[in-house]
């Protein structure tokens, strides 16, 4: 069993933050699963969107640490949606159900792409206050799978999992990264065939971001210098797409820095230029803080953010 799954922090999270299930579509098989933690008075929370292999709890370290600083944090797990427009419409309905007019979005990999598509989808009536894009991409063609995207629904679960696992790091990694990979493999195993097939379809069907529709939204691009599923070309394309974006670089972290480099990720989130007093209540004493959370060194992080 992986170290993260049996860690005190994860067990504390599972015992204190309830998992909610919400239906907003006419099809009651489409169920959003989410963790909603922090002050309910905050009406512009930070929402985390997971990668293909992730469930809502992969962001448990962000939930524990950031709510301790007064943030309201929501981590989501998607229902089965087969195209980006359907996802965006469902996500809009979810925000309406939660009575959230505007949100900050943190998207990892596929989650980052969907965050951009949702910002694009709502550009005429903006719902996204800022974007933090972690190991994200702007064009699905980088995966060279657009021609197979419409056949994922036919594939058995074991084949779909093999496709996803092919993007995981296979070489030697440090113990924290190894634990993160083990945890993500476990989360991948918990997903059903339709969930995986739909996510891979969203990840690979022919689509790209139209940056002119979201150029007024503050963007932070978070990526790693070591091995990840994204090519150097894909990263460079993101930089070109968002020339004014802040860059949060991590020396290491692989595909899942929010798990294995959570302290750095959490600090980068806290110094996001888009946060204003109505989004976070620093005056309140922390209610939940990870035992090993470092003190907030904003000056040091501002020197590394460009």
C-alpha atoms as a PDB file:
ATOM      1  CA  UNK A   1       0.000   0.000   0.000  1.00  0.00           C
ATOM      2  CA  UNK A   2       1.332   3.488  -0.889  1.00  0.00           C
ATOM      3  CA  UNK A   3       2.707   5.742   1.806  1.00  0.00           C
ATOM      4  CA  UNK A   4       0.331   8.604   0.985  1.00  0.00           C
ATOM      5  CA  UNK A   5      -2.803   6.498   1.328  1.00  0.00           C
ATOM      6  CA  UNK A   6      -1.854   5.438   4.870  1.00  0.00           C
ATOM      7  CA  UNK A   7      -0.363   8.787   5.920  1.00  0.00           C
ATOM      8  CA  UNK A   8      -1.781  10.695   8.915  1.00  0.00           C
ATOM      9  CA  UNK A   9      -2.499  13.727   6.701  1.00  0.00           C
ATOM     10  CA  UNK A  10      -4.586  11.740   4.224  1.00  0.00           C
ATOM     11  CA  UNK A  11      -6.473   9.901   6.969  1.00  0.00           C
ATOM     12  CA  UNK A  12      -7.121  13.216   8.736  1.00  0.00           C
ATOM     13  CA  UNK A  13      -8.446  14.677   5.489  1.00  0.00           C
ATOM     14  CA  UNK A  14     -10.768  11.726   4.818  1.00  0.00           C
ATOM     15  CA  UNK A  15     -12.120  11.843   8.382  1.00  0.00           C
ATOM     16  CA  UNK A  16     -12.758  15.591   8.491  1.00  0.00           C
ATOM     17  CA  UNK A  17     -13.764  16.704   4.970  1.00  0.00           C
ATOM     18  CA  UNK A  18     -16.934  15.023   3.642  1.00  0.00           C
ATOM     19  CA  UNK A  19     -17.272  13.937   0.022  1.00  0.00           C
ATOM     20  CA  UNK A  20     -20.386  15.437  -1.554  1.00  0.00           C
ATOM     21  CA  UNK A  21     -22.211  14.145  -4.625  1.00  0.00           C
ATOM     22  CA  UNK A  22     -24.277  16.547  -6.727  1.00  0.00           C
ATOM     23  CA  UNK A  23     -26.451  16.040  -9.833  1.00  0.00           C
ATOM     24  CA  UNK A  24     -27.115  19.103 -11.994  1.00  0.00           C
ATOM     25  CA  UNK A  25     -27.995  17.512 -15.342  1.00  0.00           C
ATOM     26  CA  UNK A  26     -31.248  15.934 -16.465  1.00  0.00           C
ATOM     27  CA  UNK A  27     -29.320  12.664 -16.698  1.00  0.00           C
ATOM     28  CA  UNK A  28     -29.064  11.564 -13.059  1.00  0.00           C
ATOM     29  CA  UNK A  29     -26.155   9.263 -13.871  1.00  0.00           C
ATOM     30  CA  UNK A  30     -23.951  12.329 -14.240  1.00  0.00           C
ATOM     31  CA  UNK A  31     -22.732  12.856 -10.691  1.00  0.00           C
ATOM     32  CA  UNK A  32     -20.220  15.492  -9.621  1.00  0.00           C
ATOM     33  CA  UNK A  33     -18.163  14.427  -6.602  1.00  0.00           C
ATOM     34  CA  UNK A  34     -16.494  17.180  -4.619  1.00  0.00           C
ATOM     35  CA  UNK A  35     -14.805  18.242  -1.418  1.00  0.00           C
ATOM     36  CA  UNK A  36     -15.783  21.749  -0.299  1.00  0.00           C
ATOM     37  CA  UNK A  37     -13.741  23.099   2.612  1.00  0.00           C
ATOM     38  CA  UNK A  38     -13.112  26.499   4.119  1.00  0.00           C
ATOM     39  CA  UNK A  39     -15.326  29.511   4.933  1.00  0.00           C
ATOM     40  CA  UNK A  40     -18.673  29.357   3.126  1.00  0.00           C
ATOM     41  CA  UNK A  41     -18.827  33.136   3.267  1.00  0.00           C
ATOM     42  CA  UNK A  42     -16.198  33.242   0.510  1.00  0.00           C
ATOM     43  CA  UNK A  43     -18.108  33.442  -2.764  1.00  0.00           C
ATOM     44  CA  UNK A  44     -15.127  33.234  -5.130  1.00  0.00           C
ATOM     45  CA  UNK A  45     -13.344  30.013  -4.079  1.00  0.00           C
ATOM     46  CA  UNK A  46     -10.419  28.179  -5.609  1.00  0.00           C
ATOM     47  CA  UNK A  47     -11.568  25.097  -7.520  1.00  0.00           C
ATOM     48  CA  UNK A  48      -9.189  22.235  -8.379  1.00  0.00           C
ATOM     49  CA  UNK A  49      -9.696  20.166 -11.532  1.00  0.00           C
ATOM     50  CA  UNK A  50      -7.808  16.828 -11.694  1.00  0.00           C
ATOM     51  CA  UNK A  51      -5.911  15.135 -14.535  1.00  0.00           C
ATOM     52  CA  UNK A  52      -7.182  12.093 -16.455  1.00  0.00           C
ATOM     53  CA  UNK A  53      -6.018   9.682 -13.749  1.00  0.00           C
ATOM     54  CA  UNK A  54      -7.068  11.801 -10.783  1.00  0.00           C
ATOM     55  CA  UNK A  55      -9.954  11.868  -8.348  1.00  0.00           C
ATOM     56  CA  UNK A  56     -10.959  14.820  -6.190  1.00  0.00           C
ATOM     57  CA  UNK A  57      -8.832  13.683  -3.253  1.00  0.00           C
ATOM     58  CA  UNK A  58      -5.522  14.003  -5.142  1.00  0.00           C
ATOM     59  CA  UNK A  59      -5.627  17.642  -3.976  1.00  0.00           C
ATOM     60  CA  UNK A  60      -6.056  16.766  -0.302  1.00  0.00           C
ATOM     61  CA  UNK A  61      -2.797  18.488   0.680  1.00  0.00           C
ATOM     62  CA  UNK A  62      -3.947  21.714  -0.976  1.00  0.00           C
ATOM     63  CA  UNK A  63      -7.300  21.505   0.807  1.00  0.00           C
ATOM     64  CA  UNK A  64      -5.745  21.000   4.237  1.00  0.00           C
ATOM     65  CA  UNK A  65      -3.027  23.620   3.890  1.00  0.00           C
ATOM     66  CA  UNK A  66      -4.957  26.358   2.064  1.00  0.00           C
ATOM     67  CA  UNK A  67      -8.080  26.179   4.224  1.00  0.00           C
ATOM     68  CA  UNK A  68      -5.744  26.612   7.179  1.00  0.00           C
ATOM     69  CA  UNK A  69      -4.820  29.998   5.726  1.00  0.00           C
ATOM     70  CA  UNK A  70      -8.459  30.975   5.300  1.00  0.00           C
ATOM     71  CA  UNK A  71      -9.145  29.958   1.702  1.00  0.00           C
ATOM     72  CA  UNK A  72     -12.264  28.232   0.541  1.00  0.00           C
ATOM     73  CA  UNK A  73     -11.164  25.294  -1.605  1.00  0.00           C
ATOM     74  CA  UNK A  74     -13.261  22.934  -3.738  1.00  0.00           C
ATOM     75  CA  UNK A  75     -11.777  19.828  -5.376  1.00  0.00           C
ATOM     76  CA  UNK A  76     -13.872  18.171  -8.089  1.00  0.00           C
ATOM     77  CA  UNK A  77     -14.279  14.821  -9.781  1.00  0.00           C
ATOM     78  CA  UNK A  78     -15.981  14.937 -13.173  1.00  0.00           C
ATOM     79  CA  UNK A  79     -19.069  13.048 -14.310  1.00  0.00           C
ATOM     80  CA  UNK A  80     -18.954  11.246 -17.653  1.00  0.00           C
ATOM     81  CA  UNK A  81     -18.945  13.891 -20.381  1.00  0.00           C
ATOM     82  CA  UNK A  82     -17.969  13.146 -23.977  1.00  0.00           C
ATOM     83  CA  UNK A  83     -17.228  16.583 -25.421  1.00  0.00           C
ATOM     84  CA  UNK A  84     -15.922  19.905 -24.146  1.00  0.00           C
ATOM     85  CA  UNK A  85     -19.152  21.833 -24.689  1.00  0.00           C
ATOM     86  CA  UNK A  86     -21.076  19.260 -22.655  1.00  0.00           C
ATOM     87  CA  UNK A  87     -18.493  19.513 -19.864  1.00  0.00           C
ATOM     88  CA  UNK A  88     -18.586  23.312 -19.837  1.00  0.00           C
ATOM     89  CA  UNK A  89     -22.382  23.357 -19.714  1.00  0.00           C
ATOM     90  CA  UNK A  90     -22.381  20.875 -16.835  1.00  0.00           C
ATOM     91  CA  UNK A  91     -19.713  22.820 -14.941  1.00  0.00           C
ATOM     92  CA  UNK A  92     -21.706  26.031 -15.371  1.00  0.00           C
ATOM     93  CA  UNK A  93     -24.762  24.313 -13.909  1.00  0.00           C
ATOM     94  CA  UNK A  94     -22.663  23.098 -10.984  1.00  0.00           C
ATOM     95  CA  UNK A  95     -21.460  26.635 -10.224  1.00  0.00           C
ATOM     96  CA  UNK A  96     -25.067  27.845 -10.452  1.00  0.00           C
ATOM     97  CA  UNK A  97     -26.100  25.102  -8.017  1.00  0.00           C
ATOM     98  CA  UNK A  98     -23.331  26.143  -5.608  1.00  0.00           C
ATOM     99  CA  UNK A  99     -24.343  29.810  -6.074  1.00  0.00           C
ATOM    100  CA  UNK A 100     -20.882  30.811  -7.224  1.00  0.00           C
ATOM    101  CA  UNK A 101     -20.778  33.656  -9.724  1.00  0.00           C
ATOM    102  CA  UNK A 102     -16.993  33.680 -10.138  1.00  0.00           C
ATOM    103  CA  UNK A 103     -14.225  31.246  -9.288  1.00  0.00           C
ATOM    104  CA  UNK A 104     -10.480  30.772  -9.443  1.00  0.00           C
ATOM    105  CA  UNK A 105      -9.493  27.579 -11.261  1.00  0.00           C
ATOM    106  CA  UNK A 106      -6.444  25.390 -10.684  1.00  0.00           C
ATOM    107  CA  UNK A 107      -6.262  22.759 -13.403  1.00  0.00           C
ATOM    108  CA  UNK A 108      -3.754  19.906 -13.663  1.00  0.00           C
ATOM    109  CA  UNK A 109      -3.061  18.513 -17.149  1.00  0.00           C
ATOM    110  CA  UNK A 110      -6.544  17.705 -18.556  1.00  0.00           C
ATOM    111  CA  UNK A 111      -7.979  19.807 -15.734  1.00  0.00           C
ATOM    112  CA  UNK A 112      -5.922  22.755 -16.974  1.00  0.00           C
ATOM    113  CA  UNK A 113      -7.211  22.341 -20.511  1.00  0.00           C
ATOM    114  CA  UNK A 114     -10.813  22.127 -19.304  1.00  0.00           C
ATOM    115  CA  UNK A 115     -10.297  25.210 -17.130  1.00  0.00           C
ATOM    116  CA  UNK A 116      -9.188  27.157 -20.191  1.00  0.00           C
ATOM    117  CA  UNK A 117     -12.113  25.859 -22.253  1.00  0.00           C
ATOM    118  CA  UNK A 118     -14.554  26.879 -19.511  1.00  0.00           C
ATOM    119  CA  UNK A 119     -13.044  30.371 -19.352  1.00  0.00           C
ATOM    120  CA  UNK A 120     -13.394  30.537 -23.127  1.00  0.00           C
ATOM    121  CA  UNK A 121     -16.985  29.191 -22.952  1.00  0.00           C
ATOM    122  CA  UNK A 122     -18.027  31.908 -20.460  1.00  0.00           C
ATOM    123  CA  UNK A 123     -16.051  34.804 -21.941  1.00  0.00           C
ATOM    124  CA  UNK A 124     -19.182  36.824 -22.782  1.00  0.00           C
ATOM    125  CA  UNK A 125     -20.368  36.535 -19.178  1.00  0.00           C
ATOM    126  CA  UNK A 126     -17.131  35.797 -17.286  1.00  0.00           C
ATOM    127  CA  UNK A 127     -17.189  33.218 -14.525  1.00  0.00           C
ATOM    128  CA  UNK A 128     -13.418  32.693 -14.142  1.00  0.00           C
ATOM    129  CA  UNK A 129     -11.466  35.199 -12.061  1.00  0.00           C
ATOM    130  CA  UNK A 130      -8.045  33.608 -12.601  1.00  0.00           C
ATOM    131  CA  UNK A 131      -6.337  30.469 -13.908  1.00  0.00           C
ATOM    132  CA  UNK A 132      -3.480  28.439 -12.443  1.00  0.00           C
ATOM    133  CA  UNK A 133      -2.425  25.904 -15.074  1.00  0.00           C
ATOM    134  CA  UNK A 134      -0.261  23.051 -13.784  1.00  0.00           C
ATOM    135  CA  UNK A 135       1.468  20.893 -16.415  1.00  0.00           C
ATOM    136  CA  UNK A 136      -1.348  21.991 -18.706  1.00  0.00           C
ATOM    137  CA  UNK A 137      -1.687  22.203 -22.485  1.00  0.00           C
ATOM    138  CA  UNK A 138      -3.664  24.335 -24.924  1.00  0.00           C
ATOM    139  CA  UNK A 139      -4.041  22.016 -27.931  1.00  0.00           C
ATOM    140  CA  UNK A 140      -5.043  18.346 -27.792  1.00  0.00           C
ATOM    141  CA  UNK A 141      -3.176  17.570 -31.012  1.00  0.00           C
ATOM    142  CA  UNK A 142       0.082  17.307 -29.004  1.00  0.00           C
ATOM    143  CA  UNK A 143      -0.945  13.785 -27.992  1.00  0.00           C
ATOM    144  CA  UNK A 144      -1.318  12.576 -31.612  1.00  0.00           C
ATOM    145  CA  UNK A 145      -4.479  10.679 -30.653  1.00  0.00           C
ATOM    146  CA  UNK A 146      -7.207  12.798 -32.215  1.00  0.00           C
ATOM    147  CA  UNK A 147      -7.934  10.068 -34.770  1.00  0.00           C
ATOM    148  CA  UNK A 148      -8.536   7.484 -32.004  1.00  0.00           C
ATOM    149  CA  UNK A 149     -10.428   9.779 -29.603  1.00  0.00           C
ATOM    150  CA  UNK A 150     -13.843   8.621 -30.814  1.00  0.00           C
ATOM    151  CA  UNK A 151     -13.012   4.956 -30.205  1.00  0.00           C
ATOM    152  CA  UNK A 152     -12.039   5.145 -26.523  1.00  0.00           C
ATOM    153  CA  UNK A 153     -15.600   4.376 -25.475  1.00  0.00           C
ATOM    154  CA  UNK A 154     -15.244   0.941 -27.097  1.00  0.00           C
ATOM    155  CA  UNK A 155     -12.048  -0.042 -25.282  1.00  0.00           C
ATOM    156  CA  UNK A 156     -12.053  -2.168 -22.110  1.00  0.00           C
ATOM    157  CA  UNK A 157     -10.877  -0.565 -18.883  1.00  0.00           C
ATOM    158  CA  UNK A 158      -7.523  -2.390 -18.772  1.00  0.00           C
ATOM    159  CA  UNK A 159      -6.550  -0.969 -22.178  1.00  0.00           C
ATOM    160  CA  UNK A 160      -7.523   2.541 -21.144  1.00  0.00           C
ATOM    161  CA  UNK A 161      -5.498   2.261 -17.941  1.00  0.00           C
ATOM    162  CA  UNK A 162      -2.518   1.051 -19.936  1.00  0.00           C
ATOM    163  CA  UNK A 163      -2.746   4.158 -22.130  1.00  0.00           C
ATOM    164  CA  UNK A 164      -2.770   6.422 -19.079  1.00  0.00           C
ATOM    165  CA  UNK A 165       0.018   4.561 -17.295  1.00  0.00           C
ATOM    166  CA  UNK A 166       2.189   4.978 -20.381  1.00  0.00           C
ATOM    167  CA  UNK A 167       2.495   8.671 -19.504  1.00  0.00           C
ATOM    168  CA  UNK A 168       3.663   8.031 -15.926  1.00  0.00           C
ATOM    169  CA  UNK A 169       7.351   8.363 -15.088  1.00  0.00           C
ATOM    170  CA  UNK A 170       9.149   5.050 -15.549  1.00  0.00           C
ATOM    171  CA  UNK A 171      12.724   5.957 -14.608  1.00  0.00           C
ATOM    172  CA  UNK A 172      14.286   6.404 -11.159  1.00  0.00           C
ATOM    173  CA  UNK A 173      12.608   9.066  -9.023  1.00  0.00           C
ATOM    174  CA  UNK A 174      12.971  10.272  -5.462  1.00  0.00           C
ATOM    175  CA  UNK A 175      10.850   8.647  -2.709  1.00  0.00           C
ATOM    176  CA  UNK A 176       8.249  11.451  -2.583  1.00  0.00           C
ATOM    177  CA  UNK A 177       7.663  11.264  -6.331  1.00  0.00           C
ATOM    178  CA  UNK A 178       7.459   7.466  -6.133  1.00  0.00           C
ATOM    179  CA  UNK A 179       4.800   7.772  -3.428  1.00  0.00           C
ATOM    180  CA  UNK A 180       2.873  10.252  -5.586  1.00  0.00           C
ATOM    181  CA  UNK A 181       2.951   7.860  -8.558  1.00  0.00           C
ATOM    182  CA  UNK A 182       1.781   4.971  -6.354  1.00  0.00           C
ATOM    183  CA  UNK A 183      -1.106   7.087  -5.073  1.00  0.00           C
ATOM    184  CA  UNK A 184      -2.137   8.135  -8.579  1.00  0.00           C
ATOM    185  CA  UNK A 185      -2.017   4.531  -9.781  1.00  0.00           C
ATOM    186  CA  UNK A 186      -4.348   3.642  -6.913  1.00  0.00           C
ATOM    187  CA  UNK A 187      -6.685   6.503  -7.879  1.00  0.00           C
ATOM    188  CA  UNK A 188      -6.593   5.357 -11.500  1.00  0.00           C
ATOM    189  CA  UNK A 189      -7.655   1.874 -10.429  1.00  0.00           C
ATOM    190  CA  UNK A 190     -10.725   3.360  -8.733  1.00  0.00           C
ATOM    191  CA  UNK A 191     -12.063   4.814 -11.997  1.00  0.00           C
ATOM    192  CA  UNK A 192     -14.536   2.864 -14.110  1.00  0.00           C
ATOM    193  CA  UNK A 193     -14.393   2.236 -17.851  1.00  0.00           C
ATOM    194  CA  UNK A 194     -16.817   5.014 -18.782  1.00  0.00           C
ATOM    195  CA  UNK A 195     -15.039   7.566 -16.568  1.00  0.00           C
ATOM    196  CA  UNK A 196     -11.660   6.785 -18.094  1.00  0.00           C
ATOM    197  CA  UNK A 197     -12.975   6.598 -21.644  1.00  0.00           C
ATOM    198  CA  UNK A 198     -14.734   9.955 -21.360  1.00  0.00           C
ATOM    199  CA  UNK A 199     -11.686  11.663 -19.849  1.00  0.00           C
ATOM    200  CA  UNK A 200      -9.370  10.315 -22.511  1.00  0.00           C
ATOM    201  CA  UNK A 201     -11.866  11.464 -25.126  1.00  0.00           C
ATOM    202  CA  UNK A 202     -11.857  14.988 -23.673  1.00  0.00           C
ATOM    203  CA  UNK A 203      -8.063  14.840 -23.482  1.00  0.00           C
ATOM    204  CA  UNK A 204      -7.564  13.805 -27.097  1.00  0.00           C
ATOM    205  CA  UNK A 205     -10.504  14.894 -29.267  1.00  0.00           C
ATOM    206  CA  UNK A 206      -9.538  17.647 -31.682  1.00  0.00           C
ATOM    207  CA  UNK A 207      -9.713  20.977 -29.867  1.00  0.00           C
ATOM    208  CA  UNK A 208      -7.611  23.991 -28.939  1.00  0.00           C
ATOM    209  CA  UNK A 209      -7.862  27.096 -26.771  1.00  0.00           C
ATOM    210  CA  UNK A 210      -8.761  30.450 -28.319  1.00  0.00           C
ATOM    211  CA  UNK A 211      -6.599  32.814 -26.230  1.00  0.00           C
ATOM    212  CA  UNK A 212      -8.180  36.046 -27.469  1.00  0.00           C
ATOM    213  CA  UNK A 213     -11.348  35.083 -25.579  1.00  0.00           C
ATOM    214  CA  UNK A 214      -9.567  34.843 -22.219  1.00  0.00           C
ATOM    215  CA  UNK A 215      -6.775  37.392 -22.577  1.00  0.00           C
ATOM    216  CA  UNK A 216      -8.107  39.534 -19.691  1.00  0.00           C
ATOM    217  CA  UNK A 217      -7.910  36.701 -17.138  1.00  0.00           C
ATOM    218  CA  UNK A 218      -4.800  36.551 -14.902  1.00  0.00           C
ATOM    219  CA  UNK A 219      -2.906  33.333 -15.675  1.00  0.00           C
ATOM    220  CA  UNK A 220      -0.187  31.516 -13.760  1.00  0.00           C
ATOM    221  CA  UNK A 221       1.629  28.745 -15.618  1.00  0.00           C
ATOM    222  CA  UNK A 222       3.030  26.149 -13.235  1.00  0.00           C
ATOM    223  CA  UNK A 223       5.333  23.498 -14.625  1.00  0.00           C
ATOM    224  CA  UNK A 224       8.363  21.383 -13.752  1.00  0.00           C
ATOM    225  CA  UNK A 225      11.890  21.213 -15.122  1.00  0.00           C
ATOM    226  CA  UNK A 226      12.170  17.438 -14.786  1.00  0.00           C
ATOM    227  CA  UNK A 227      10.354  14.673 -16.662  1.00  0.00           C
ATOM    228  CA  UNK A 228       6.610  14.989 -17.222  1.00  0.00           C
ATOM    229  CA  UNK A 229       4.069  13.888 -19.804  1.00  0.00           C
ATOM    230  CA  UNK A 230       4.298  17.265 -21.551  1.00  0.00           C
ATOM    231  CA  UNK A 231       6.909  17.860 -24.217  1.00  0.00           C
ATOM    232  CA  UNK A 232       9.114  20.942 -24.248  1.00  0.00           C
ATOM    233  CA  UNK A 233       7.258  22.078 -27.374  1.00  0.00           C
ATOM    234  CA  UNK A 234       3.914  21.909 -25.549  1.00  0.00           C
ATOM    235  CA  UNK A 235       5.299  24.019 -22.702  1.00  0.00           C
ATOM    236  CA  UNK A 236       6.720  26.586 -25.113  1.00  0.00           C
ATOM    237  CA  UNK A 237       3.346  26.824 -26.819  1.00  0.00           C
ATOM    238  CA  UNK A 238       1.741  27.692 -23.470  1.00  0.00           C
ATOM    239  CA  UNK A 239       4.293  30.448 -22.905  1.00  0.00           C
ATOM    240  CA  UNK A 240       3.555  31.885 -26.354  1.00  0.00           C
ATOM    241  CA  UNK A 241      -0.179  31.664 -25.772  1.00  0.00           C
ATOM    242  CA  UNK A 242       0.055  33.585 -22.498  1.00  0.00           C
ATOM    243  CA  UNK A 243       3.029  35.957 -22.861  1.00  0.00           C
ATOM    244  CA  UNK A 244       1.966  37.967 -19.806  1.00  0.00           C
ATOM    245  CA  UNK A 245       1.352  34.975 -17.565  1.00  0.00           C
ATOM    246  CA  UNK A 246       3.210  34.524 -14.330  1.00  0.00           C
ATOM    247  CA  UNK A 247       5.452  31.490 -14.350  1.00  0.00           C
ATOM    248  CA  UNK A 248       5.784  29.241 -11.342  1.00  0.00           C
ATOM    249  CA  UNK A 249       8.615  26.824 -12.071  1.00  0.00           C
ATOM    250  CA  UNK A 250       9.430  23.828  -9.921  1.00  0.00           C
ATOM    251  CA  UNK A 251      12.833  22.192 -10.342  1.00  0.00           C
ATOM    252  CA  UNK A 252      11.304  18.757  -9.796  1.00  0.00           C
ATOM    253  CA  UNK A 253       7.842  17.304  -9.311  1.00  0.00           C
ATOM    254  CA  UNK A 254       7.099  15.203 -12.384  1.00  0.00           C
ATOM    255  CA  UNK A 255       3.476  14.831 -13.409  1.00  0.00           C
ATOM    256  CA  UNK A 256       2.050  15.306  -9.906  1.00  0.00           C
ATOM    257  CA  UNK A 257       3.804  18.192  -8.097  1.00  0.00           C
ATOM    258  CA  UNK A 258       0.678  18.935  -6.032  1.00  0.00           C
ATOM    259  CA  UNK A 259       1.305  15.584  -4.311  1.00  0.00           C
ATOM    260  CA  UNK A 260       5.093  15.320  -4.100  1.00  0.00           C
ATOM    261  CA  UNK A 261       5.959  19.037  -3.934  1.00  0.00           C
ATOM    262  CA  UNK A 262       2.795  20.227  -2.217  1.00  0.00           C
ATOM    263  CA  UNK A 263       4.467  22.860  -0.024  1.00  0.00           C
ATOM    264  CA  UNK A 264       5.879  24.677  -3.067  1.00  0.00           C
ATOM    265  CA  UNK A 265       2.607  24.404  -4.988  1.00  0.00           C
ATOM    266  CA  UNK A 266       0.611  25.703  -2.023  1.00  0.00           C
ATOM    267  CA  UNK A 267       2.901  28.698  -1.571  1.00  0.00           C
ATOM    268  CA  UNK A 268       2.704  29.597  -5.253  1.00  0.00           C
ATOM    269  CA  UNK A 269      -1.095  29.525  -4.987  1.00  0.00           C
ATOM    270  CA  UNK A 270      -1.033  31.815  -1.944  1.00  0.00           C
ATOM    271  CA  UNK A 271       0.933  34.537  -3.733  1.00  0.00           C
ATOM    272  CA  UNK A 272      -1.290  34.521  -6.795  1.00  0.00           C
ATOM    273  CA  UNK A 273      -1.734  38.150  -7.929  1.00  0.00           C
ATOM    274  CA  UNK A 274      -5.462  37.576  -8.457  1.00  0.00           C
ATOM    275  CA  UNK A 275      -6.258  37.051  -4.766  1.00  0.00           C
ATOM    276  CA  UNK A 276      -7.938  40.004  -3.055  1.00  0.00           C
ATOM    277  CA  UNK A 277      -9.322  40.419   0.488  1.00  0.00           C
ATOM    278  CA  UNK A 278     -12.778  39.130  -0.386  1.00  0.00           C
ATOM    279  CA  UNK A 279     -11.272  35.814  -1.475  1.00  0.00           C
ATOM    280  CA  UNK A 280      -9.369  34.938   1.689  1.00  0.00           C
ATOM    281  CA  UNK A 281      -9.775  35.859   5.341  1.00  0.00           C
ATOM    282  CA  UNK A 282      -6.300  36.046   6.826  1.00  0.00           C
ATOM    283  CA  UNK A 283      -7.690  37.671   9.971  1.00  0.00           C
ATOM    284  CA  UNK A 284      -9.268  34.417  11.065  1.00  0.00           C
ATOM    285  CA  UNK A 285      -6.998  31.957  12.878  1.00  0.00           C
ATOM    286  CA  UNK A 286      -6.067  28.855  10.855  1.00  0.00           C
ATOM    287  CA  UNK A 287      -8.433  25.974  11.533  1.00  0.00           C
ATOM    288  CA  UNK A 288      -6.604  23.199   9.692  1.00  0.00           C
ATOM    289  CA  UNK A 289      -2.901  23.270   8.932  1.00  0.00           C
ATOM    290  CA  UNK A 290      -0.701  20.450   7.760  1.00  0.00           C
ATOM    291  CA  UNK A 291       1.753  19.488  10.527  1.00  0.00           C
ATOM    292  CA  UNK A 292       4.786  20.144   8.327  1.00  0.00           C
ATOM    293  CA  UNK A 293       3.558  23.236   6.482  1.00  0.00           C
ATOM    294  CA  UNK A 294       6.396  25.783   6.147  1.00  0.00           C
ATOM    295  CA  UNK A 295       5.867  29.469   6.990  1.00  0.00           C
ATOM    296  CA  UNK A 296       4.719  31.644   4.107  1.00  0.00           C
ATOM    297  CA  UNK A 297       7.714  33.392   2.525  1.00  0.00           C
ATOM    298  CA  UNK A 298       5.987  35.672   0.042  1.00  0.00           C
ATOM    299  CA  UNK A 299       9.041  37.771  -0.795  1.00  0.00           C
ATOM    300  CA  UNK A 300      11.070  34.719  -1.800  1.00  0.00           C
ATOM    301  CA  UNK A 301       8.270  33.436  -3.987  1.00  0.00           C
ATOM    302  CA  UNK A 302       7.716  36.795  -5.667  1.00  0.00           C
ATOM    303  CA  UNK A 303      11.371  36.728  -6.653  1.00  0.00           C
ATOM    304  CA  UNK A 304      10.878  33.390  -8.418  1.00  0.00           C
ATOM    305  CA  UNK A 305       7.557  34.268 -10.071  1.00  0.00           C
ATOM    306  CA  UNK A 306       8.071  36.175 -13.288  1.00  0.00           C
END
